[in-house]
Protein backbone atom coordinates (compact mmCIF):
# COMPACT_ATOMS: atom_id res chain seq x y z
CA UNK A 1 0.00 0.00 0.00
CA UNK A 2 2.96 2.34 0.33
CA UNK A 3 3.37 4.71 -2.59
CA UNK A 4 6.14 7.29 -2.23
CA UNK A 5 4.75 9.28 -5.17
CA UNK A 6 1.62 10.29 -3.25
CA UNK A 7 1.73 13.32 -0.99
CA UNK A 8 0.24 13.89 2.49
CA UNK A 9 -1.69 10.64 2.84
CA UNK A 10 0.40 7.83 1.45
CA UNK A 11 -1.39 4.53 1.57
CA UNK A 12 -4.52 5.21 -0.45
CA UNK A 13 -7.76 4.27 1.22
CA UNK A 14 -10.31 7.05 0.93
CA UNK A 15 -7.56 9.46 -0.09
CA UNK A 16 -6.75 7.68 -3.36
CA UNK A 17 -8.75 7.63 -6.56
CA UNK A 18 -10.09 5.02 -6.80
CA UNK A 19 -10.00 4.12 -3.08
CA UNK A 20 -7.57 1.30 -2.27
CA UNK A 21 -7.71 -0.73 0.95
CA UNK A 22 -5.96 -3.65 2.52
CA UNK A 23 -8.16 -6.32 4.10
CA UNK A 24 -8.57 -7.48 7.68
CA UNK A 25 -10.66 -10.18 9.36
CA UNK A 26 -11.90 -10.67 12.90
CA UNK A 27 -9.15 -12.02 15.10
CA UNK A 28 -6.42 -10.92 12.70
CA UNK A 29 -3.28 -9.08 13.86
CA UNK A 30 -1.46 -6.80 11.42
CA UNK A 31 2.19 -5.79 11.70
CA UNK A 32 2.91 -2.61 9.76
CA UNK A 33 5.21 0.38 9.64
CA UNK A 34 4.67 4.10 9.18
CA UNK A 35 6.62 7.35 9.10
CA UNK A 36 6.18 11.10 9.12
CA UNK A 37 8.53 13.55 7.45
CA UNK A 38 8.54 16.88 5.62
CA UNK A 39 4.85 17.61 6.20
CA UNK A 40 3.78 14.17 4.98
CA UNK A 41 2.72 11.11 6.93
CA UNK A 42 2.29 7.48 5.96
CA UNK A 43 -1.17 6.01 6.58
CA UNK A 44 -2.64 2.54 6.30
CA UNK A 45 -6.29 1.75 5.49
CA UNK A 46 -8.01 -1.62 5.85
CA UNK A 47 -11.52 -2.73 4.86
CA UNK A 48 -13.77 -5.04 6.86
CA UNK A 49 -17.22 -6.23 5.70
CA UNK A 50 -19.14 -8.05 8.47
CA UNK A 51 -21.36 -11.01 7.63
CA UNK A 52 -23.72 -10.19 10.52
CA UNK A 53 -24.50 -7.22 12.72
CA UNK A 54 -21.76 -7.10 15.30
CA UNK A 55 -19.65 -4.97 17.58
CA UNK A 56 -15.99 -4.53 16.67
CA UNK A 57 -12.95 -3.42 18.64
CA UNK A 58 -10.15 -1.87 16.53
CA UNK A 59 -6.87 -1.49 18.40
CA UNK A 60 -3.29 -0.49 17.71
CA UNK A 61 0.03 0.12 19.43
CA UNK A 62 3.06 1.73 17.81
CA UNK A 63 6.49 3.22 18.18
CA UNK A 64 5.14 6.67 17.21
CA UNK A 65 2.09 8.38 18.75
CA UNK A 66 -0.69 6.55 16.91
CA UNK A 67 -4.23 7.43 15.79
CA UNK A 68 -6.94 5.02 14.66
CA UNK A 69 -10.22 5.86 12.92
CA UNK A 70 -13.30 3.84 11.94
CA UNK A 71 -15.61 4.95 9.12
CA UNK A 72 -18.57 3.39 7.31
CA UNK A 73 -17.79 3.88 3.61
CA UNK A 74 -20.65 1.79 2.20
CA UNK A 75 -22.04 4.82 0.34
CA UNK A 76 -18.58 6.04 -0.67
CA UNK A 77 -15.57 7.97 0.58
CA UNK A 78 -16.68 11.53 -0.22
CA UNK A 79 -17.37 13.91 2.68
CA UNK A 80 -21.11 13.67 2.01
CA UNK A 81 -21.06 9.86 1.75
CA UNK A 82 -19.02 8.30 4.55
CA UNK A 83 -20.16 8.00 8.17
CA UNK A 84 -17.52 8.77 10.81
CA UNK A 85 -17.85 6.17 13.58
CA UNK A 86 -14.99 7.24 15.83
CA UNK A 87 -11.34 8.08 16.29
CA UNK A 88 -8.79 7.97 19.11
CA UNK A 89 -5.09 8.39 19.68
CA UNK A 90 -2.38 7.24 22.07
CA UNK A 91 1.25 7.99 22.91
CA UNK A 92 4.07 5.81 21.62
CA UNK A 93 4.02 2.28 23.08
CA UNK A 94 0.50 2.76 24.48
CA UNK A 95 -2.52 0.83 23.18
CA UNK A 96 -5.44 2.73 21.64
CA UNK A 97 -8.83 1.06 21.03
CA UNK A 98 -12.24 1.93 19.60
CA UNK A 99 -15.46 -0.08 20.06
CA UNK A 100 -18.36 0.52 17.63
CA UNK A 101 -21.45 -1.27 16.33
CA UNK A 102 -21.48 -2.17 12.63
CA UNK A 103 -24.12 -3.58 10.30
CA UNK A 104 -23.98 -6.71 8.16
CA UNK A 105 -22.77 -6.07 4.63
CA UNK A 106 -21.51 -2.56 5.33
CA UNK A 107 -18.01 -1.56 4.23
CA UNK A 108 -16.08 -0.53 7.32
CA UNK A 109 -12.81 1.38 6.80
CA UNK A 110 -10.17 0.98 9.52
CA UNK A 111 -7.37 3.55 9.58
CA UNK A 112 -3.93 3.68 11.26
CA UNK A 113 -1.44 6.56 11.14
CA UNK A 114 0.72 8.89 13.20
CA UNK A 115 -1.33 10.99 15.61
CA UNK A 116 -1.12 14.51 14.21
CA UNK A 117 2.58 14.13 13.41
CA UNK A 118 3.89 15.05 9.94
CA UNK A 119 7.65 15.30 10.54
CA UNK A 120 10.48 14.00 12.68
CA UNK A 121 10.19 10.30 11.81
CA UNK A 122 11.79 9.85 8.35
CA UNK A 123 11.98 6.43 6.71
CA UNK A 124 15.77 6.52 6.96
CA UNK A 125 15.54 6.44 10.78
CA UNK A 126 13.02 3.58 10.80
CA UNK A 127 11.31 1.36 10.35
CA UNK A 128 8.80 2.64 12.90
CA UNK A 129 6.46 -0.26 13.55
CA UNK A 130 2.91 -0.69 14.75
CA UNK A 131 0.63 -3.62 15.47
CA UNK A 132 -3.11 -3.39 14.85
CA UNK A 133 -5.81 -5.97 15.48
CA UNK A 134 -9.54 -6.42 14.98
CA UNK A 135 -11.87 -8.20 17.40
CA UNK A 136 -15.54 -9.03 16.87
CA UNK A 137 -17.90 -9.10 19.84
CA UNK A 138 -21.25 -10.90 19.76
CA UNK A 139 -24.28 -8.62 19.80
CA UNK A 140 -27.47 -9.40 21.77
CA UNK A 141 -30.82 -9.25 19.98
CA UNK A 142 -32.71 -6.00 20.78
CA UNK A 143 -35.69 -6.54 23.11
CA UNK A 144 -38.01 -4.95 20.53
CA UNK A 145 -36.81 -7.07 17.61
CA UNK A 146 -40.34 -8.40 16.95
CA UNK A 147 -43.67 -6.60 16.54
CA UNK A 148 -45.12 -8.55 19.46
CA UNK A 149 -42.45 -7.03 21.72
CA UNK A 150 -42.78 -3.42 20.57
CA UNK A 151 -41.60 -0.92 23.21
CA UNK A 152 -44.23 1.68 24.22
CA UNK A 153 -43.08 5.23 23.46
CA UNK A 154 -44.63 8.63 24.10
CA UNK A 155 -43.76 12.04 22.71
CA UNK A 156 -39.96 12.13 22.59
CA UNK A 157 -37.18 14.23 21.07
CA UNK A 158 -33.74 12.88 20.12
CA UNK A 159 -34.52 9.38 21.38
CA UNK A 160 -31.46 7.13 20.98
CA UNK A 161 -32.06 3.93 19.02
CA UNK A 162 -30.06 1.13 17.44
CA UNK A 163 -31.09 -1.78 15.24
CA UNK A 164 -27.75 -3.57 15.64
CA UNK A 165 -28.49 -7.29 16.05
CA UNK A 166 -32.10 -7.02 14.89
CA UNK A 167 -33.61 -9.49 12.43
CA UNK A 168 -35.44 -8.78 9.17
CA UNK A 169 -39.02 -9.95 9.40
CA UNK A 170 -41.17 -7.29 7.74
CA UNK A 171 -41.96 -6.00 4.27
CA UNK A 172 -43.90 -2.75 4.36
CA UNK A 173 -44.80 0.06 1.98
CA UNK A 174 -41.15 1.12 1.81
CA UNK A 175 -40.06 -2.37 0.82
CA UNK A 176 -37.97 -4.62 3.00
CA UNK A 177 -36.33 -2.26 5.48
CA UNK A 178 -33.98 -4.80 7.06
CA UNK A 179 -32.93 -5.20 10.72
CA UNK A 180 -36.19 -3.77 12.09
CA UNK A 181 -36.98 -2.75 15.63
CA UNK A 182 -40.50 -1.95 16.83
CA UNK A 183 -42.11 0.79 18.93
CA UNK A 184 -45.75 1.34 19.90
CA UNK A 185 -47.31 4.80 20.22
CA UNK A 186 -50.83 5.37 21.58
CA UNK A 187 -52.47 8.54 20.33
CA UNK A 188 -53.90 10.74 23.14
CA UNK A 189 -56.99 11.59 21.09
CA UNK A 190 -58.65 11.05 17.73
CA UNK A 191 -57.38 13.28 14.95
CA UNK A 192 -54.14 14.32 16.63
CA UNK A 193 -51.17 15.08 14.37
CA UNK A 194 -47.96 13.09 14.92
CA UNK A 195 -44.58 13.72 13.29
CA UNK A 196 -41.98 10.96 13.12
CA UNK A 197 -38.53 11.43 11.58
CA UNK A 198 -35.05 9.96 11.72
CA UNK A 199 -33.12 13.18 11.05
CA UNK A 200 -29.77 13.21 12.81
CA UNK A 201 -29.35 9.43 12.78
CA UNK A 202 -25.89 8.03 12.10
CA UNK A 203 -27.01 6.37 8.86
CA UNK A 204 -29.93 6.35 6.45
CA UNK A 205 -32.96 4.59 7.90
CA UNK A 206 -36.62 4.17 7.13
CA UNK A 207 -39.84 3.37 8.94
CA UNK A 208 -43.37 2.13 8.37
CA UNK A 209 -46.43 3.01 10.44
CA UNK A 210 -49.26 0.53 11.07
C-alpha atoms as a PDB file:
ATOM      1  CA  UNK A   1       0.000   0.000   0.000  1.00  0.00           C
ATOM      2  CA  UNK A   2       2.963   2.342   0.332  1.00  0.00           C
ATOM      3  CA  UNK A   3       3.370   4.714  -2.587  1.00  0.00           C
ATOM      4  CA  UNK A   4       6.145   7.285  -2.227  1.00  0.00           C
ATOM      5  CA  UNK A   5       4.753   9.279  -5.168  1.00  0.00           C
ATOM      6  CA  UNK A   6       1.622  10.291  -3.252  1.00  0.00           C
ATOM      7  CA  UNK A   7       1.730  13.316  -0.987  1.00  0.00           C
ATOM      8  CA  UNK A   8       0.245  13.895   2.486  1.00  0.00           C
ATOM      9  CA  UNK A   9      -1.686  10.642   2.835  1.00  0.00           C
ATOM     10  CA  UNK A  10       0.405   7.833   1.450  1.00  0.00           C
ATOM     11  CA  UNK A  11      -1.394   4.532   1.567  1.00  0.00           C
ATOM     12  CA  UNK A  12      -4.521   5.214  -0.449  1.00  0.00           C
ATOM     13  CA  UNK A  13      -7.756   4.267   1.221  1.00  0.00           C
ATOM     14  CA  UNK A  14     -10.309   7.053   0.928  1.00  0.00           C
ATOM     15  CA  UNK A  15      -7.560   9.465  -0.095  1.00  0.00           C
ATOM     16  CA  UNK A  16      -6.745   7.684  -3.361  1.00  0.00           C
ATOM     17  CA  UNK A  17      -8.753   7.629  -6.561  1.00  0.00           C
ATOM     18  CA  UNK A  18     -10.087   5.023  -6.803  1.00  0.00           C
ATOM     19  CA  UNK A  19      -9.997   4.123  -3.081  1.00  0.00           C
ATOM     20  CA  UNK A  20      -7.570   1.298  -2.268  1.00  0.00           C
ATOM     21  CA  UNK A  21      -7.713  -0.734   0.949  1.00  0.00           C
ATOM     22  CA  UNK A  22      -5.957  -3.645   2.518  1.00  0.00           C
ATOM     23  CA  UNK A  23      -8.158  -6.319   4.103  1.00  0.00           C
ATOM     24  CA  UNK A  24      -8.568  -7.477   7.683  1.00  0.00           C
ATOM     25  CA  UNK A  25     -10.656 -10.182   9.363  1.00  0.00           C
ATOM     26  CA  UNK A  26     -11.901 -10.668  12.902  1.00  0.00           C
ATOM     27  CA  UNK A  27      -9.148 -12.021  15.102  1.00  0.00           C
ATOM     28  CA  UNK A  28      -6.416 -10.919  12.701  1.00  0.00           C
ATOM     29  CA  UNK A  29      -3.279  -9.077  13.863  1.00  0.00           C
ATOM     30  CA  UNK A  30      -1.457  -6.797  11.416  1.00  0.00           C
ATOM     31  CA  UNK A  31       2.192  -5.795  11.703  1.00  0.00           C
ATOM     32  CA  UNK A  32       2.906  -2.612   9.758  1.00  0.00           C
ATOM     33  CA  UNK A  33       5.211   0.376   9.645  1.00  0.00           C
ATOM     34  CA  UNK A  34       4.671   4.096   9.180  1.00  0.00           C
ATOM     35  CA  UNK A  35       6.623   7.345   9.102  1.00  0.00           C
ATOM     36  CA  UNK A  36       6.178  11.103   9.124  1.00  0.00           C
ATOM     37  CA  UNK A  37       8.527  13.554   7.446  1.00  0.00           C
ATOM     38  CA  UNK A  38       8.538  16.882   5.622  1.00  0.00           C
ATOM     39  CA  UNK A  39       4.850  17.607   6.201  1.00  0.00           C
ATOM     40  CA  UNK A  40       3.784  14.172   4.981  1.00  0.00           C
ATOM     41  CA  UNK A  41       2.721  11.109   6.929  1.00  0.00           C
ATOM     42  CA  UNK A  42       2.287   7.476   5.963  1.00  0.00           C
ATOM     43  CA  UNK A  43      -1.171   6.012   6.583  1.00  0.00           C
ATOM     44  CA  UNK A  44      -2.643   2.539   6.303  1.00  0.00           C
ATOM     45  CA  UNK A  45      -6.287   1.748   5.488  1.00  0.00           C
ATOM     46  CA  UNK A  46      -8.015  -1.616   5.849  1.00  0.00           C
ATOM     47  CA  UNK A  47     -11.516  -2.729   4.858  1.00  0.00           C
ATOM     48  CA  UNK A  48     -13.774  -5.041   6.861  1.00  0.00           C
ATOM     49  CA  UNK A  49     -17.223  -6.226   5.700  1.00  0.00           C
ATOM     50  CA  UNK A  50     -19.139  -8.047   8.473  1.00  0.00           C
ATOM     51  CA  UNK A  51     -21.363 -11.014   7.626  1.00  0.00           C
ATOM     52  CA  UNK A  52     -23.716 -10.193  10.516  1.00  0.00           C
ATOM     53  CA  UNK A  53     -24.503  -7.224  12.717  1.00  0.00           C
ATOM     54  CA  UNK A  54     -21.760  -7.102  15.297  1.00  0.00           C
ATOM     55  CA  UNK A  55     -19.645  -4.965  17.584  1.00  0.00           C
ATOM     56  CA  UNK A  56     -15.992  -4.529  16.673  1.00  0.00           C
ATOM     57  CA  UNK A  57     -12.949  -3.422  18.635  1.00  0.00           C
ATOM     58  CA  UNK A  58     -10.151  -1.874  16.530  1.00  0.00           C
ATOM     59  CA  UNK A  59      -6.870  -1.493  18.405  1.00  0.00           C
ATOM     60  CA  UNK A  60      -3.292  -0.488  17.706  1.00  0.00           C
ATOM     61  CA  UNK A  61       0.030   0.123  19.430  1.00  0.00           C
ATOM     62  CA  UNK A  62       3.061   1.728  17.811  1.00  0.00           C
ATOM     63  CA  UNK A  63       6.491   3.219  18.181  1.00  0.00           C
ATOM     64  CA  UNK A  64       5.143   6.666  17.214  1.00  0.00           C
ATOM     65  CA  UNK A  65       2.086   8.377  18.754  1.00  0.00           C
ATOM     66  CA  UNK A  66      -0.694   6.549  16.906  1.00  0.00           C
ATOM     67  CA  UNK A  67      -4.225   7.427  15.790  1.00  0.00           C
ATOM     68  CA  UNK A  68      -6.939   5.021  14.662  1.00  0.00           C
ATOM     69  CA  UNK A  69     -10.222   5.865  12.916  1.00  0.00           C
ATOM     70  CA  UNK A  70     -13.297   3.835  11.941  1.00  0.00           C
ATOM     71  CA  UNK A  71     -15.608   4.946   9.122  1.00  0.00           C
ATOM     72  CA  UNK A  72     -18.566   3.393   7.313  1.00  0.00           C
ATOM     73  CA  UNK A  73     -17.789   3.875   3.611  1.00  0.00           C
ATOM     74  CA  UNK A  74     -20.648   1.792   2.202  1.00  0.00           C
ATOM     75  CA  UNK A  75     -22.037   4.820   0.339  1.00  0.00           C
ATOM     76  CA  UNK A  76     -18.579   6.038  -0.667  1.00  0.00           C
ATOM     77  CA  UNK A  77     -15.569   7.970   0.576  1.00  0.00           C
ATOM     78  CA  UNK A  78     -16.679  11.529  -0.220  1.00  0.00           C
ATOM     79  CA  UNK A  79     -17.369  13.908   2.682  1.00  0.00           C
ATOM     80  CA  UNK A  80     -21.113  13.669   2.009  1.00  0.00           C
ATOM     81  CA  UNK A  81     -21.056   9.864   1.753  1.00  0.00           C
ATOM     82  CA  UNK A  82     -19.016   8.302   4.552  1.00  0.00           C
ATOM     83  CA  UNK A  83     -20.157   8.004   8.174  1.00  0.00           C
ATOM     84  CA  UNK A  84     -17.517   8.765  10.813  1.00  0.00           C
ATOM     85  CA  UNK A  85     -17.849   6.171  13.580  1.00  0.00           C
ATOM     86  CA  UNK A  86     -14.986   7.237  15.829  1.00  0.00           C
ATOM     87  CA  UNK A  87     -11.339   8.079  16.286  1.00  0.00           C
ATOM     88  CA  UNK A  88      -8.791   7.967  19.110  1.00  0.00           C
ATOM     89  CA  UNK A  89      -5.086   8.395  19.678  1.00  0.00           C
ATOM     90  CA  UNK A  90      -2.384   7.243  22.069  1.00  0.00           C
ATOM     91  CA  UNK A  91       1.251   7.995  22.910  1.00  0.00           C
ATOM     92  CA  UNK A  92       4.070   5.809  21.618  1.00  0.00           C
ATOM     93  CA  UNK A  93       4.020   2.277  23.079  1.00  0.00           C
ATOM     94  CA  UNK A  94       0.496   2.761  24.480  1.00  0.00           C
ATOM     95  CA  UNK A  95      -2.523   0.831  23.181  1.00  0.00           C
ATOM     96  CA  UNK A  96      -5.436   2.731  21.636  1.00  0.00           C
ATOM     97  CA  UNK A  97      -8.834   1.062  21.033  1.00  0.00           C
ATOM     98  CA  UNK A  98     -12.238   1.929  19.604  1.00  0.00           C
ATOM     99  CA  UNK A  99     -15.464  -0.077  20.058  1.00  0.00           C
ATOM    100  CA  UNK A 100     -18.363   0.525  17.627  1.00  0.00           C
ATOM    101  CA  UNK A 101     -21.454  -1.267  16.329  1.00  0.00           C
ATOM    102  CA  UNK A 102     -21.475  -2.172  12.626  1.00  0.00           C
ATOM    103  CA  UNK A 103     -24.125  -3.584  10.300  1.00  0.00           C
ATOM    104  CA  UNK A 104     -23.983  -6.711   8.161  1.00  0.00           C
ATOM    105  CA  UNK A 105     -22.773  -6.071   4.629  1.00  0.00           C
ATOM    106  CA  UNK A 106     -21.508  -2.562   5.333  1.00  0.00           C
ATOM    107  CA  UNK A 107     -18.012  -1.565   4.235  1.00  0.00           C
ATOM    108  CA  UNK A 108     -16.075  -0.533   7.319  1.00  0.00           C
ATOM    109  CA  UNK A 109     -12.812   1.381   6.800  1.00  0.00           C
ATOM    110  CA  UNK A 110     -10.168   0.982   9.518  1.00  0.00           C
ATOM    111  CA  UNK A 111      -7.369   3.549   9.579  1.00  0.00           C
ATOM    112  CA  UNK A 112      -3.925   3.680  11.260  1.00  0.00           C
ATOM    113  CA  UNK A 113      -1.437   6.556  11.140  1.00  0.00           C
ATOM    114  CA  UNK A 114       0.720   8.890  13.196  1.00  0.00           C
ATOM    115  CA  UNK A 115      -1.327  10.987  15.611  1.00  0.00           C
ATOM    116  CA  UNK A 116      -1.124  14.509  14.214  1.00  0.00           C
ATOM    117  CA  UNK A 117       2.584  14.132  13.408  1.00  0.00           C
ATOM    118  CA  UNK A 118       3.894  15.049   9.942  1.00  0.00           C
ATOM    119  CA  UNK A 119       7.648  15.304  10.542  1.00  0.00           C
ATOM    120  CA  UNK A 120      10.484  14.002  12.685  1.00  0.00           C
ATOM    121  CA  UNK A 121      10.188  10.305  11.815  1.00  0.00           C
ATOM    122  CA  UNK A 122      11.794   9.853   8.354  1.00  0.00           C
ATOM    123  CA  UNK A 123      11.982   6.432   6.712  1.00  0.00           C
ATOM    124  CA  UNK A 124      15.772   6.515   6.963  1.00  0.00           C
ATOM    125  CA  UNK A 125      15.541   6.436  10.778  1.00  0.00           C
ATOM    126  CA  UNK A 126      13.021   3.582  10.796  1.00  0.00           C
ATOM    127  CA  UNK A 127      11.308   1.360  10.350  1.00  0.00           C
ATOM    128  CA  UNK A 128       8.798   2.636  12.904  1.00  0.00           C
ATOM    129  CA  UNK A 129       6.464  -0.256  13.545  1.00  0.00           C
ATOM    130  CA  UNK A 130       2.909  -0.692  14.748  1.00  0.00           C
ATOM    131  CA  UNK A 131       0.635  -3.623  15.473  1.00  0.00           C
ATOM    132  CA  UNK A 132      -3.109  -3.391  14.852  1.00  0.00           C
ATOM    133  CA  UNK A 133      -5.811  -5.966  15.480  1.00  0.00           C
ATOM    134  CA  UNK A 134      -9.539  -6.416  14.978  1.00  0.00           C
ATOM    135  CA  UNK A 135     -11.868  -8.199  17.396  1.00  0.00           C
ATOM    136  CA  UNK A 136     -15.543  -9.027  16.871  1.00  0.00           C
ATOM    137  CA  UNK A 137     -17.897  -9.100  19.838  1.00  0.00           C
ATOM    138  CA  UNK A 138     -21.245 -10.897  19.759  1.00  0.00           C
ATOM    139  CA  UNK A 139     -24.283  -8.617  19.802  1.00  0.00           C
ATOM    140  CA  UNK A 140     -27.470  -9.399  21.766  1.00  0.00           C
ATOM    141  CA  UNK A 141     -30.818  -9.245  19.977  1.00  0.00           C
ATOM    142  CA  UNK A 142     -32.710  -6.000  20.781  1.00  0.00           C
ATOM    143  CA  UNK A 143     -35.686  -6.543  23.111  1.00  0.00           C
ATOM    144  CA  UNK A 144     -38.011  -4.954  20.526  1.00  0.00           C
ATOM    145  CA  UNK A 145     -36.810  -7.074  17.607  1.00  0.00           C
ATOM    146  CA  UNK A 146     -40.344  -8.399  16.951  1.00  0.00           C
ATOM    147  CA  UNK A 147     -43.669  -6.595  16.537  1.00  0.00           C
ATOM    148  CA  UNK A 148     -45.122  -8.555  19.461  1.00  0.00           C
ATOM    149  CA  UNK A 149     -42.454  -7.033  21.720  1.00  0.00           C
ATOM    150  CA  UNK A 150     -42.782  -3.418  20.566  1.00  0.00           C
ATOM    151  CA  UNK A 151     -41.599  -0.923  23.206  1.00  0.00           C
ATOM    152  CA  UNK A 152     -44.226   1.682  24.219  1.00  0.00           C
ATOM    153  CA  UNK A 153     -43.080   5.233  23.463  1.00  0.00           C
ATOM    154  CA  UNK A 154     -44.630   8.631  24.095  1.00  0.00           C
ATOM    155  CA  UNK A 155     -43.757  12.041  22.711  1.00  0.00           C
ATOM    156  CA  UNK A 156     -39.958  12.132  22.593  1.00  0.00           C
ATOM    157  CA  UNK A 157     -37.177  14.228  21.066  1.00  0.00           C
ATOM    158  CA  UNK A 158     -33.738  12.875  20.121  1.00  0.00           C
ATOM    159  CA  UNK A 159     -34.519   9.378  21.382  1.00  0.00           C
ATOM    160  CA  UNK A 160     -31.457   7.132  20.978  1.00  0.00           C
ATOM    161  CA  UNK A 161     -32.061   3.934  19.022  1.00  0.00           C
ATOM    162  CA  UNK A 162     -30.065   1.131  17.443  1.00  0.00           C
ATOM    163  CA  UNK A 163     -31.092  -1.781  15.244  1.00  0.00           C
ATOM    164  CA  UNK A 164     -27.753  -3.575  15.640  1.00  0.00           C
ATOM    165  CA  UNK A 165     -28.488  -7.288  16.054  1.00  0.00           C
ATOM    166  CA  UNK A 166     -32.104  -7.017  14.886  1.00  0.00           C
ATOM    167  CA  UNK A 167     -33.612  -9.487  12.428  1.00  0.00           C
ATOM    168  CA  UNK A 168     -35.436  -8.776   9.169  1.00  0.00           C
ATOM    169  CA  UNK A 169     -39.024  -9.948   9.403  1.00  0.00           C
ATOM    170  CA  UNK A 170     -41.167  -7.290   7.739  1.00  0.00           C
ATOM    171  CA  UNK A 171     -41.957  -5.999   4.271  1.00  0.00           C
ATOM    172  CA  UNK A 172     -43.904  -2.747   4.357  1.00  0.00           C
ATOM    173  CA  UNK A 173     -44.802   0.060   1.985  1.00  0.00           C
ATOM    174  CA  UNK A 174     -41.146   1.125   1.805  1.00  0.00           C
ATOM    175  CA  UNK A 175     -40.058  -2.370   0.824  1.00  0.00           C
ATOM    176  CA  UNK A 176     -37.965  -4.622   3.003  1.00  0.00           C
ATOM    177  CA  UNK A 177     -36.328  -2.258   5.485  1.00  0.00           C
ATOM    178  CA  UNK A 178     -33.983  -4.796   7.060  1.00  0.00           C
ATOM    179  CA  UNK A 179     -32.926  -5.195  10.723  1.00  0.00           C
ATOM    180  CA  UNK A 180     -36.188  -3.774  12.088  1.00  0.00           C
ATOM    181  CA  UNK A 181     -36.981  -2.749  15.630  1.00  0.00           C
ATOM    182  CA  UNK A 182     -40.498  -1.953  16.830  1.00  0.00           C
ATOM    183  CA  UNK A 183     -42.115   0.789  18.930  1.00  0.00           C
ATOM    184  CA  UNK A 184     -45.752   1.342  19.899  1.00  0.00           C
ATOM    185  CA  UNK A 185     -47.311   4.795  20.215  1.00  0.00           C
ATOM    186  CA  UNK A 186     -50.827   5.369  21.585  1.00  0.00           C
ATOM    187  CA  UNK A 187     -52.471   8.536  20.333  1.00  0.00           C
ATOM    188  CA  UNK A 188     -53.903  10.737  23.137  1.00  0.00           C
ATOM    189  CA  UNK A 189     -56.992  11.591  21.094  1.00  0.00           C
ATOM    190  CA  UNK A 190     -58.651  11.046  17.727  1.00  0.00           C
ATOM    191  CA  UNK A 191     -57.382  13.276  14.946  1.00  0.00           C
ATOM    192  CA  UNK A 192     -54.138  14.321  16.627  1.00  0.00           C
ATOM    193  CA  UNK A 193     -51.168  15.083  14.375  1.00  0.00           C
ATOM    194  CA  UNK A 194     -47.955  13.091  14.924  1.00  0.00           C
ATOM    195  CA  UNK A 195     -44.579  13.717  13.295  1.00  0.00           C
ATOM    196  CA  UNK A 196     -41.979  10.960  13.123  1.00  0.00           C
ATOM    197  CA  UNK A 197     -38.534  11.432  11.585  1.00  0.00           C
ATOM    198  CA  UNK A 198     -35.049   9.958  11.721  1.00  0.00           C
ATOM    199  CA  UNK A 199     -33.124  13.176  11.048  1.00  0.00           C
ATOM    200  CA  UNK A 200     -29.767  13.208  12.810  1.00  0.00           C
ATOM    201  CA  UNK A 201     -29.349   9.429  12.780  1.00  0.00           C
ATOM    202  CA  UNK A 202     -25.885   8.034  12.100  1.00  0.00           C
ATOM    203  CA  UNK A 203     -27.008   6.372   8.862  1.00  0.00           C
ATOM    204  CA  UNK A 204     -29.932   6.351   6.452  1.00  0.00           C
ATOM    205  CA  UNK A 205     -32.956   4.595   7.902  1.00  0.00           C
ATOM    206  CA  UNK A 206     -36.617   4.171   7.126  1.00  0.00           C
ATOM    207  CA  UNK A 207     -39.845   3.372   8.941  1.00  0.00           C
ATOM    208  CA  UNK A 208     -43.368   2.127   8.370  1.00  0.00           C
ATOM    209  CA  UNK A 209     -46.427   3.012  10.443  1.00  0.00           C
ATOM    210  CA  UNK A 210     -49.262   0.532  11.073  1.00  0.00           C
END
